[in-house]
Amino acid sequence: MTDYTLYQSEFIANNQDLIFEDINRAHDLFREVFPNQDSTWTYHKYNIFALTAPSTAFYQIYTELRNLVRSQLGNDRPLWFQAWINYHQQSELLKWHGHEFDYHGYIAIDPKNTKTVFEGYEIVNKPGQIYFGPGWREHMVEAISPFQGVRTTIGFDIFTTPDNRHVAHPYTNMSLMPLL
């Protein structure tokens, strides 16, 4: 029995080129606004869905994310989320880390030939795959085989009650948005 969900988005799998154009544009804009900063580790300063507005492709991705999260957690309470772009060469793959939120997940756009290793299990990443599970769970990314280019995923955190446990002051986290 697992306590996480894997969902396969046919939209993402079938529209990688279009989505990757938007990601590259968004990453360039990110670098203009936040020079010399990494788009992963500044997750609290922006939300990729705000950065990609008004992309119709990212609207579709948001819709799929919202539907997946709401199908797991219900529609009867407010939820907030932050989402960022992981944009890495093979030498920059994520080391062991966790997320201090109720739930965590990622959306594989162009994950290359990688796997996400959690304590006790691993997920072989595929384009369009959305992972959604508990927060706090330590994980890392490994290359299954060498790759060229940029590995792209969208990381996200979901929580039910923003409080000082997550940020020094909830209104200073520029990435938080309601999950409508």
C-alpha atoms as a PDB file:
ATOM      1  CA  MET A   1       0.000   0.000   0.000  1.00  0.00           C
ATOM      2  CA  THR A   2       1.372   3.392  -0.949  1.00  0.00           C
ATOM      3  CA  ASP A   3       0.650   6.815   0.502  1.00  0.00           C
ATOM      4  CA  TYR A   4       1.406   8.689  -2.697  1.00  0.00           C
ATOM      5  CA  THR A   5      -0.230   9.092  -6.103  1.00  0.00           C
ATOM      6  CA  LEU A   6       1.251   8.955  -9.594  1.00  0.00           C
ATOM      7  CA  TYR A   7      -0.784  10.528 -12.364  1.00  0.00           C
ATOM      8  CA  GLN A   8       0.122  10.508 -16.038  1.00  0.00           C
ATOM      9  CA  SER A   9      -0.712  13.708 -17.938  1.00  0.00           C
ATOM     10  CA  GLU A  10      -1.229  13.007 -21.613  1.00  0.00           C
ATOM     11  CA  PHE A  11      -1.326  16.762 -22.237  1.00  0.00           C
ATOM     12  CA  ILE A  12       2.209  17.224 -20.908  1.00  0.00           C
ATOM     13  CA  ALA A  13       3.548  14.097 -22.596  1.00  0.00           C
ATOM     14  CA  ASN A  14       2.095  15.182 -25.942  1.00  0.00           C
ATOM     15  CA  ASN A  15       3.052  18.888 -25.740  1.00  0.00           C
ATOM     16  CA  GLN A  16       6.585  18.874 -24.388  1.00  0.00           C
ATOM     17  CA  ASP A  17       7.956  21.201 -27.077  1.00  0.00           C
ATOM     18  CA  LEU A  18       5.316  23.869 -26.432  1.00  0.00           C
ATOM     19  CA  ILE A  19       5.719  23.584 -22.665  1.00  0.00           C
ATOM     20  CA  PHE A  20       9.505  23.656 -22.912  1.00  0.00           C
ATOM     21  CA  GLU A  21       9.306  26.917 -24.897  1.00  0.00           C
ATOM     22  CA  ASP A  22       7.285  28.450 -22.052  1.00  0.00           C
ATOM     23  CA  ILE A  23       9.693  27.057 -19.449  1.00  0.00           C
ATOM     24  CA  ASN A  24      12.706  28.505 -21.251  1.00  0.00           C
ATOM     25  CA  ARG A  25      10.960  31.880 -21.534  1.00  0.00           C
ATOM     26  CA  ALA A  26      10.012  31.740 -17.844  1.00  0.00           C
ATOM     27  CA  HIS A  27      13.528  30.711 -16.811  1.00  0.00           C
ATOM     28  CA  ASP A  28      14.995  33.639 -18.771  1.00  0.00           C
ATOM     29  CA  LEU A  29      12.547  36.002 -17.038  1.00  0.00           C
ATOM     30  CA  PHE A  30      13.409  34.451 -13.677  1.00  0.00           C
ATOM     31  CA  ARG A  31      17.103  35.149 -14.296  1.00  0.00           C
ATOM     32  CA  GLU A  32      16.308  38.782 -15.182  1.00  0.00           C
ATOM     33  CA  VAL A  33      14.320  39.290 -11.985  1.00  0.00           C
ATOM     34  CA  PHE A  34      16.615  37.194  -9.747  1.00  0.00           C
ATOM     35  CA  PRO A  35      20.119  37.405 -11.237  1.00  0.00           C
ATOM     36  CA  ASN A  36      22.646  34.836 -10.015  1.00  0.00           C
ATOM     37  CA  GLN A  37      19.985  32.832  -8.167  1.00  0.00           C
ATOM     38  CA  ASP A  38      18.832  29.266  -8.716  1.00  0.00           C
ATOM     39  CA  SER A  39      15.179  28.779  -9.671  1.00  0.00           C
ATOM     40  CA  THR A  40      14.908  25.766  -7.347  1.00  0.00           C
ATOM     41  CA  TRP A  41      16.264  27.247  -4.156  1.00  0.00           C
ATOM     42  CA  THR A  42      14.422  30.563  -4.467  1.00  0.00           C
ATOM     43  CA  TYR A  43      11.057  28.759  -4.494  1.00  0.00           C
ATOM     44  CA  HIS A  44       9.727  31.128  -1.805  1.00  0.00           C
ATOM     45  CA  LYS A  45      10.185  34.217  -4.024  1.00  0.00           C
ATOM     46  CA  TYR A  46       8.032  33.305  -7.039  1.00  0.00           C
ATOM     47  CA  ASN A  47       5.430  30.876  -8.332  1.00  0.00           C
ATOM     48  CA  ILE A  48       6.038  29.320 -11.760  1.00  0.00           C
ATOM     49  CA  PHE A  49       2.327  29.617 -12.569  1.00  0.00           C
ATOM     50  CA  ALA A  50       2.466  33.389 -12.017  1.00  0.00           C
ATOM     51  CA  LEU A  51       5.703  33.611 -13.996  1.00  0.00           C
ATOM     52  CA  THR A  52       4.173  31.745 -16.966  1.00  0.00           C
ATOM     53  CA  ALA A  53       0.874  33.658 -17.027  1.00  0.00           C
ATOM     54  CA  PRO A  54      -0.944  33.846 -19.451  1.00  0.00           C
ATOM     55  CA  SER A  55       0.395  30.625 -21.031  1.00  0.00           C
ATOM     56  CA  THR A  56      -2.483  28.365 -22.064  1.00  0.00           C
ATOM     57  CA  ALA A  57      -0.173  25.358 -21.684  1.00  0.00           C
ATOM     58  CA  PHE A  58       0.555  26.251 -18.071  1.00  0.00           C
ATOM     59  CA  TYR A  59      -3.132  26.899 -17.480  1.00  0.00           C
ATOM     60  CA  GLN A  60      -3.754  23.281 -18.546  1.00  0.00           C
ATOM     61  CA  ILE A  61      -0.948  22.031 -16.280  1.00  0.00           C
ATOM     62  CA  TYR A  62      -2.367  24.051 -13.359  1.00  0.00           C
ATOM     63  CA  THR A  63      -5.821  22.588 -14.041  1.00  0.00           C
ATOM     64  CA  GLU A  64      -4.452  19.037 -13.959  1.00  0.00           C
ATOM     65  CA  LEU A  65      -2.490  19.769 -10.783  1.00  0.00           C
ATOM     66  CA  ARG A  66      -5.532  21.317  -9.091  1.00  0.00           C
ATOM     67  CA  ASN A  67      -7.758  18.406 -10.104  1.00  0.00           C
ATOM     68  CA  LEU A  68      -5.263  15.830  -8.824  1.00  0.00           C
ATOM     69  CA  VAL A  69      -4.737  17.580  -5.487  1.00  0.00           C
ATOM     70  CA  ARG A  70      -8.449  18.219  -4.956  1.00  0.00           C
ATOM     71  CA  SER A  71      -9.277  14.583  -5.828  1.00  0.00           C
ATOM     72  CA  GLN A  72      -6.906  13.520  -3.037  1.00  0.00           C
ATOM     73  CA  LEU A  73      -7.654  16.190  -0.425  1.00  0.00           C
ATOM     74  CA  GLY A  74     -11.219  17.261  -1.203  1.00  0.00           C
ATOM     75  CA  ASN A  75     -12.888  20.531  -2.130  1.00  0.00           C
ATOM     76  CA  ASP A  76     -14.150  21.423   1.331  1.00  0.00           C
ATOM     77  CA  ARG A  77     -11.221  23.451   2.623  1.00  0.00           C
ATOM     78  CA  PRO A  78      -8.829  26.139   1.474  1.00  0.00           C
ATOM     79  CA  LEU A  79      -5.435  24.990   0.221  1.00  0.00           C
ATOM     80  CA  TRP A  80      -2.365  26.992  -0.716  1.00  0.00           C
ATOM     81  CA  PHE A  81       0.496  25.992  -2.968  1.00  0.00           C
ATOM     82  CA  GLN A  82       3.874  27.113  -4.113  1.00  0.00           C
ATOM     83  CA  ALA A  83       5.452  25.853  -7.329  1.00  0.00           C
ATOM     84  CA  TRP A  84       8.849  26.405  -8.892  1.00  0.00           C
ATOM     85  CA  ILE A  85      10.931  25.190 -11.785  1.00  0.00           C
ATOM     86  CA  ASN A  86      13.769  22.709 -11.374  1.00  0.00           C
ATOM     87  CA  TYR A  87      16.039  23.473 -14.330  1.00  0.00           C
ATOM     88  CA  HIS A  88      19.222  21.411 -14.022  1.00  0.00           C
ATOM     89  CA  GLN A  89      22.132  19.953 -15.925  1.00  0.00           C
ATOM     90  CA  GLN A  90      23.173  16.443 -14.876  1.00  0.00           C
ATOM     91  CA  SER A  91      25.852  17.828 -12.518  1.00  0.00           C
ATOM     92  CA  GLU A  92      23.162  19.878 -10.701  1.00  0.00           C
ATOM     93  CA  LEU A  93      20.706  17.097  -9.826  1.00  0.00           C
ATOM     94  CA  LEU A  94      19.055  17.498  -6.432  1.00  0.00           C
ATOM     95  CA  LYS A  95      20.760  15.925  -3.426  1.00  0.00           C
ATOM     96  CA  TRP A  96      18.928  14.571  -0.370  1.00  0.00           C
ATOM     97  CA  HIS A  97      16.421  17.113   0.912  1.00  0.00           C
ATOM     98  CA  GLY A  98      12.888  17.389   2.279  1.00  0.00           C
ATOM     99  CA  HIS A  99       9.992  19.850   2.291  1.00  0.00           C
ATOM    100  CA  GLU A 100       8.446  21.290   5.450  1.00  0.00           C
ATOM    101  CA  PHE A 101       4.900  21.269   4.108  1.00  0.00           C
ATOM    102  CA  ASP A 102       1.899  19.003   4.481  1.00  0.00           C
ATOM    103  CA  TYR A 103       2.238  17.641   0.930  1.00  0.00           C
ATOM    104  CA  HIS A 104       4.852  17.710  -1.806  1.00  0.00           C
ATOM    105  CA  GLY A 105       5.004  16.706  -5.420  1.00  0.00           C
ATOM    106  CA  TYR A 106       6.564  17.285  -8.780  1.00  0.00           C
ATOM    107  CA  ILE A 107       5.526  17.405 -12.410  1.00  0.00           C
ATOM    108  CA  ALA A 108       7.975  15.834 -14.871  1.00  0.00           C
ATOM    109  CA  ILE A 109       8.230  17.927 -18.020  1.00  0.00           C
ATOM    110  CA  ASP A 110      11.537  16.704 -19.481  1.00  0.00           C
ATOM    111  CA  PRO A 111      12.977  14.554 -16.695  1.00  0.00           C
ATOM    112  CA  LYS A 112      15.644  12.919 -18.887  1.00  0.00           C
ATOM    113  CA  ASN A 113      16.520   9.379 -17.820  1.00  0.00           C
ATOM    114  CA  THR A 114      16.296   9.954 -14.058  1.00  0.00           C
ATOM    115  CA  LYS A 115      14.653   8.564 -10.980  1.00  0.00           C
ATOM    116  CA  THR A 116      13.549  10.224  -7.776  1.00  0.00           C
ATOM    117  CA  VAL A 117      14.732   8.229  -4.796  1.00  0.00           C
ATOM    118  CA  PHE A 118      12.711   8.438  -1.602  1.00  0.00           C
ATOM    119  CA  GLU A 119      13.404   6.654   1.645  1.00  0.00           C
ATOM    120  CA  GLY A 120      11.897   3.217   0.959  1.00  0.00           C
ATOM    121  CA  TYR A 121      10.976   3.560  -2.725  1.00  0.00           C
ATOM    122  CA  GLU A 122      11.889   5.228  -5.994  1.00  0.00           C
ATOM    123  CA  ILE A 123      10.031   6.619  -8.982  1.00  0.00           C
ATOM    124  CA  VAL A 124      11.407   6.296 -12.511  1.00  0.00           C
ATOM    125  CA  ASN A 125      10.485   9.654 -14.014  1.00  0.00           C
ATOM    126  CA  LYS A 126       8.562   9.915 -17.285  1.00  0.00           C
ATOM    127  CA  PRO A 127       7.423  12.995 -19.214  1.00  0.00           C
ATOM    128  CA  GLY A 128       3.996  14.082 -17.988  1.00  0.00           C
ATOM    129  CA  GLN A 129       4.137  12.150 -14.737  1.00  0.00           C
ATOM    130  CA  ILE A 130       2.845  13.943 -11.648  1.00  0.00           C
ATOM    131  CA  TYR A 131       3.903  12.655  -8.238  1.00  0.00           C
ATOM    132  CA  PHE A 132       1.880  13.734  -5.171  1.00  0.00           C
ATOM    133  CA  GLY A 133       2.642  12.547  -1.653  1.00  0.00           C
ATOM    134  CA  PRO A 134       3.370  13.515   1.921  1.00  0.00           C
ATOM    135  CA  GLY A 135       5.641  16.428   2.687  1.00  0.00           C
ATOM    136  CA  TRP A 136       8.720  16.051   4.875  1.00  0.00           C
ATOM    137  CA  ARG A 137       9.795  12.868   3.068  1.00  0.00           C
ATOM    138  CA  GLU A 138      13.494  13.030   2.175  1.00  0.00           C
ATOM    139  CA  HIS A 139      14.307  12.444  -1.492  1.00  0.00           C
ATOM    140  CA  MET A 140      16.920  13.016  -4.180  1.00  0.00           C
ATOM    141  CA  VAL A 141      17.287  12.715  -7.967  1.00  0.00           C
ATOM    142  CA  GLU A 142      19.665  10.275  -9.685  1.00  0.00           C
ATOM    143  CA  ALA A 143      20.558   9.901 -13.333  1.00  0.00           C
ATOM    144  CA  ILE A 144      19.864   6.368 -14.563  1.00  0.00           C
ATOM    145  CA  SER A 145      22.170   7.052 -17.495  1.00  0.00           C
ATOM    146  CA  PRO A 146      24.154  10.135 -18.549  1.00  0.00           C
ATOM    147  CA  PHE A 147      22.187  12.870 -20.290  1.00  0.00           C
ATOM    148  CA  GLN A 148      22.797  16.098 -22.163  1.00  0.00           C
ATOM    149  CA  GLY A 149      20.774  19.278 -21.881  1.00  0.00           C
ATOM    150  CA  VAL A 150      18.479  20.513 -19.149  1.00  0.00           C
ATOM    151  CA  ARG A 151      16.282  18.335 -16.943  1.00  0.00           C
ATOM    152  CA  THR A 152      13.045  20.182 -16.197  1.00  0.00           C
ATOM    153  CA  THR A 153      10.414  19.480 -13.589  1.00  0.00           C
ATOM    154  CA  ILE A 154       8.015  21.622 -11.626  1.00  0.00           C
ATOM    155  CA  GLY A 155       8.214  21.117  -7.887  1.00  0.00           C
ATOM    156  CA  PHE A 156       5.272  22.033  -5.678  1.00  0.00           C
ATOM    157  CA  ASP A 157       4.239  22.086  -2.036  1.00  0.00           C
ATOM    158  CA  ILE A 158       0.675  22.059  -0.718  1.00  0.00           C
ATOM    159  CA  PHE A 159      -0.449  22.951   2.757  1.00  0.00           C
ATOM    160  CA  THR A 160      -3.741  23.324   4.504  1.00  0.00           C
ATOM    161  CA  THR A 161      -3.063  26.076   7.017  1.00  0.00           C
ATOM    162  CA  PRO A 162      -0.335  28.611   6.417  1.00  0.00           C
ATOM    163  CA  ASP A 163       1.314  29.433   9.685  1.00  0.00           C
ATOM    164  CA  ASN A 164       4.666  30.391  11.108  1.00  0.00           C
ATOM    165  CA  ARG A 165       5.758  26.769  10.924  1.00  0.00           C
ATOM    166  CA  HIS A 166       6.340  27.195   7.167  1.00  0.00           C
ATOM    167  CA  VAL A 167       7.705  30.704   6.863  1.00  0.00           C
ATOM    168  CA  ALA A 168       8.877  33.382   9.265  1.00  0.00           C
ATOM    169  CA  HIS A 169       5.766  35.355   8.385  1.00  0.00           C
ATOM    170  CA  PRO A 170       3.189  33.945   5.963  1.00  0.00           C
ATOM    171  CA  TYR A 171       2.884  37.212   4.062  1.00  0.00           C
ATOM    172  CA  THR A 172       6.583  37.328   3.204  1.00  0.00           C
ATOM    173  CA  ASN A 173       6.452  34.162   1.102  1.00  0.00           C
ATOM    174  CA  MET A 174       5.906  35.549  -2.408  1.00  0.00           C
ATOM    175  CA  SER A 175       5.268  32.116  -3.902  1.00  0.00           C
ATOM    176  CA  LEU A 176       2.120  31.147  -2.023  1.00  0.00           C
ATOM    177  CA  MET A 177      -1.134  31.143  -3.976  1.00  0.00           C
ATOM    178  CA  PRO A 178      -4.560  29.693  -3.240  1.00  0.00           C
ATOM    179  CA  LEU A 179      -5.305  26.435  -5.003  1.00  0.00           C
ATOM    180  CA  LEU A 180      -8.698  27.309  -6.466  1.00  0.00           C
END
